[in-house]
N, C-alpha and C. Protein backbone atom coordinates (compact mmCIF):
# COMPACT_ATOMS: atom_id res chain seq x y z
N MET A 1 122.57 18.16 -135.80
CA MET A 1 121.04 18.61 -135.73
C MET A 1 120.35 17.39 -135.62
N ALA A 2 119.66 17.75 -134.71
CA ALA A 2 118.33 16.50 -134.35
C ALA A 2 117.35 16.50 -135.34
N ASN A 3 116.82 15.05 -135.22
CA ASN A 3 116.16 14.48 -136.22
C ASN A 3 114.62 14.93 -135.75
N LYS A 4 113.89 15.61 -136.90
CA LYS A 4 112.70 16.03 -136.59
C LYS A 4 111.66 15.29 -136.87
N LYS A 5 111.57 13.89 -137.10
CA LYS A 5 110.62 13.34 -137.56
C LYS A 5 110.10 12.62 -136.46
N LEU A 6 109.28 11.97 -136.08
CA LEU A 6 108.67 11.10 -135.31
C LEU A 6 109.06 9.65 -135.43
N THR A 7 109.23 8.78 -134.29
CA THR A 7 109.38 7.37 -134.26
C THR A 7 108.10 6.73 -134.49
N GLY A 8 107.91 5.53 -134.83
CA GLY A 8 106.81 4.50 -134.43
C GLY A 8 106.32 4.62 -132.91
N PHE A 9 106.75 4.60 -132.25
CA PHE A 9 106.89 4.83 -130.71
C PHE A 9 106.10 6.06 -130.48
N ASP A 10 106.61 7.40 -131.03
CA ASP A 10 106.08 8.77 -130.73
C ASP A 10 104.50 8.67 -131.33
N ASN A 11 104.71 7.92 -132.77
CA ASN A 11 102.97 8.20 -133.05
C ASN A 11 102.18 7.13 -132.64
N TRP A 12 102.20 6.09 -132.22
CA TRP A 12 101.92 5.45 -131.34
C TRP A 12 101.21 5.92 -129.94
N VAL A 13 101.87 6.39 -129.40
CA VAL A 13 101.63 7.46 -128.20
C VAL A 13 100.69 8.45 -128.56
N LEU A 14 101.08 9.42 -129.29
CA LEU A 14 100.32 10.56 -129.89
C LEU A 14 98.80 9.88 -130.19
N THR A 15 98.94 9.28 -131.17
CA THR A 15 97.62 8.62 -131.82
C THR A 15 96.56 8.06 -130.68
N GLU A 16 97.36 7.16 -129.50
CA GLU A 16 96.50 6.64 -128.27
C GLU A 16 96.07 7.71 -127.61
N ALA A 17 97.01 9.07 -127.10
CA ALA A 17 96.30 9.84 -126.74
C ALA A 17 95.40 10.94 -127.20
N LEU A 18 95.30 10.89 -128.74
CA LEU A 18 94.21 11.42 -129.49
C LEU A 18 92.86 10.73 -129.32
N LYS A 19 92.92 9.42 -129.46
CA LYS A 19 91.85 8.46 -129.28
C LYS A 19 91.18 8.76 -127.95
N LEU A 20 91.95 8.70 -126.63
CA LEU A 20 91.49 8.77 -125.64
C LEU A 20 90.68 10.26 -125.33
N PHE A 21 91.62 11.17 -125.90
CA PHE A 21 90.89 12.39 -125.54
C PHE A 21 89.62 12.80 -126.64
N SER A 22 89.52 12.18 -127.30
CA SER A 22 88.50 12.69 -128.34
C SER A 22 87.02 11.78 -127.80
N GLU A 23 87.37 10.50 -127.35
CA GLU A 23 86.45 9.74 -126.75
C GLU A 23 85.81 10.11 -125.77
N ASP A 24 86.80 10.80 -125.03
CA ASP A 24 86.20 11.40 -123.50
C ASP A 24 85.30 12.84 -123.58
N ALA A 25 85.79 13.39 -124.74
CA ALA A 25 85.31 14.74 -124.98
C ALA A 25 84.07 14.44 -125.84
N GLU A 26 83.83 13.44 -126.81
CA GLU A 26 82.66 13.37 -127.00
C GLU A 26 81.53 13.02 -125.98
N LYS A 27 81.94 12.10 -125.11
CA LYS A 27 81.06 11.51 -124.00
C LYS A 27 80.74 12.88 -123.36
N GLN A 28 81.79 13.80 -123.21
CA GLN A 28 81.39 14.86 -122.39
C GLN A 28 79.98 15.93 -123.20
N VAL A 29 80.18 16.10 -124.27
CA VAL A 29 79.41 16.85 -125.07
C VAL A 29 77.87 16.31 -125.23
N ALA A 30 77.85 14.44 -125.03
CA ALA A 30 76.84 13.89 -124.92
C ALA A 30 75.96 13.93 -123.67
N GLU A 31 76.80 14.14 -122.70
CA GLU A 31 76.19 14.03 -121.39
C GLU A 31 75.78 15.53 -121.29
N ALA A 32 76.49 16.56 -121.62
CA ALA A 32 75.95 18.12 -121.55
C ALA A 32 74.56 18.02 -122.28
N GLU A 33 74.27 17.25 -123.42
CA GLU A 33 73.27 17.41 -124.23
C GLU A 33 72.04 16.50 -123.29
N LYS A 34 72.43 15.48 -122.92
CA LYS A 34 71.40 14.81 -122.13
C LYS A 34 70.87 15.68 -120.90
N GLN A 35 71.55 16.40 -120.34
CA GLN A 35 70.98 17.46 -119.33
C GLN A 35 70.43 18.44 -119.91
N GLY A 36 70.51 18.86 -121.08
CA GLY A 36 69.95 19.88 -121.42
C GLY A 36 70.80 21.45 -121.80
N LYS A 37 72.28 20.96 -121.58
CA LYS A 37 72.55 22.01 -121.41
C LYS A 37 73.44 22.23 -123.26
N MET A 38 73.85 23.34 -123.29
CA MET A 38 74.23 24.20 -124.65
C MET A 38 75.98 23.80 -124.47
N SER A 39 76.40 23.12 -125.86
CA SER A 39 77.60 22.83 -125.68
C SER A 39 77.97 23.92 -126.99
N LEU A 40 79.36 24.13 -126.66
CA LEU A 40 79.94 25.09 -127.77
C LEU A 40 80.34 24.08 -128.66
N TYR A 41 80.48 22.86 -128.44
CA TYR A 41 80.84 21.87 -129.72
C TYR A 41 80.04 20.88 -129.97
N GLY A 42 79.77 20.69 -131.13
CA GLY A 42 78.68 19.78 -131.46
C GLY A 42 79.03 18.17 -131.61
N PRO A 43 78.07 17.29 -131.49
CA PRO A 43 78.70 15.87 -131.63
C PRO A 43 79.87 15.66 -132.89
N GLY A 44 80.64 14.92 -132.78
CA GLY A 44 81.55 14.51 -133.95
C GLY A 44 82.69 15.44 -133.96
N PHE A 45 82.51 16.90 -133.56
CA PHE A 45 83.63 17.71 -133.58
C PHE A 45 85.12 17.68 -133.04
N PHE A 46 85.10 16.72 -131.90
CA PHE A 46 86.60 15.84 -131.62
C PHE A 46 87.09 14.97 -132.25
N SER A 47 86.17 14.07 -132.70
CA SER A 47 86.79 13.09 -133.52
C SER A 47 87.10 13.56 -134.50
N ASP A 48 86.42 14.75 -135.35
CA ASP A 48 86.93 15.29 -136.83
C ASP A 48 88.49 15.70 -136.19
N VAL A 49 88.45 16.60 -135.13
CA VAL A 49 89.60 17.02 -134.94
C VAL A 49 90.94 16.29 -134.85
N ALA A 50 90.53 15.00 -133.89
CA ALA A 50 91.42 14.17 -133.83
C ALA A 50 91.93 13.50 -135.22
N ASP A 51 91.10 12.94 -135.58
CA ASP A 51 91.32 12.42 -137.14
C ASP A 51 92.10 13.23 -137.99
N SER A 52 92.17 14.67 -137.74
CA SER A 52 93.11 15.67 -138.54
C SER A 52 94.27 15.66 -138.08
N LEU A 53 94.38 16.01 -136.76
CA LEU A 53 95.80 15.64 -136.18
C LEU A 53 96.47 14.24 -136.64
N LYS A 54 95.75 13.18 -136.47
CA LYS A 54 96.15 12.23 -136.61
C LYS A 54 97.02 12.11 -138.21
N ILE A 55 96.55 12.50 -139.11
CA ILE A 55 97.02 12.55 -140.20
C ILE A 55 98.17 13.53 -140.15
N LYS A 56 98.11 14.49 -139.51
CA LYS A 56 99.50 15.28 -139.23
C LYS A 56 100.53 14.60 -138.71
N VAL A 57 100.29 13.62 -137.48
CA VAL A 57 101.07 13.09 -137.06
C VAL A 57 101.85 11.99 -137.67
N ASP A 58 100.80 11.28 -138.86
CA ASP A 58 101.48 10.39 -139.70
C ASP A 58 102.37 11.10 -140.63
N SER A 59 102.18 12.54 -140.86
CA SER A 59 103.02 13.00 -142.07
C SER A 59 104.21 13.37 -141.51
N LEU A 60 104.53 13.43 -139.84
CA LEU A 60 105.58 13.78 -139.05
C LEU A 60 106.54 12.52 -138.63
N THR A 61 105.76 11.31 -139.29
CA THR A 61 106.45 10.00 -138.64
C THR A 61 107.29 9.64 -139.87
N LEU A 62 108.46 8.95 -139.66
CA LEU A 62 109.33 8.46 -140.57
C LEU A 62 108.68 7.26 -141.03
N LYS A 63 108.65 7.48 -142.47
CA LYS A 63 107.90 6.60 -143.47
C LYS A 63 107.93 4.92 -143.12
N GLN A 64 109.31 4.40 -143.14
CA GLN A 64 109.32 3.36 -142.64
C GLN A 64 108.82 2.77 -141.46
N GLN A 65 108.44 3.49 -140.50
CA GLN A 65 107.99 3.18 -139.11
C GLN A 65 106.60 3.53 -138.93
N LEU A 66 105.54 3.70 -140.28
CA LEU A 66 104.42 3.72 -140.15
C LEU A 66 103.75 2.53 -140.36
N ASN A 67 102.90 2.26 -139.67
CA ASN A 67 101.97 0.88 -139.81
C ASN A 67 100.58 0.83 -140.14
N ASP A 68 100.33 1.28 -141.34
CA ASP A 68 98.91 1.60 -142.04
C ASP A 68 98.09 0.02 -141.94
């Protein structure tokens, strides 16, 4: 049976992807607001989602490979 836990490298890749995604999405929301457009998502939404997903990624990572 395959290991269902993530390695430290898997955790790092997913964490970096979440960070890049949330930063880019937050910039897009800010730009839309500057242009007077209504966004479906408010400022901070994507950061909050990324933080929640990071907790889930950490819970799926082998405990001895977490770097807190």
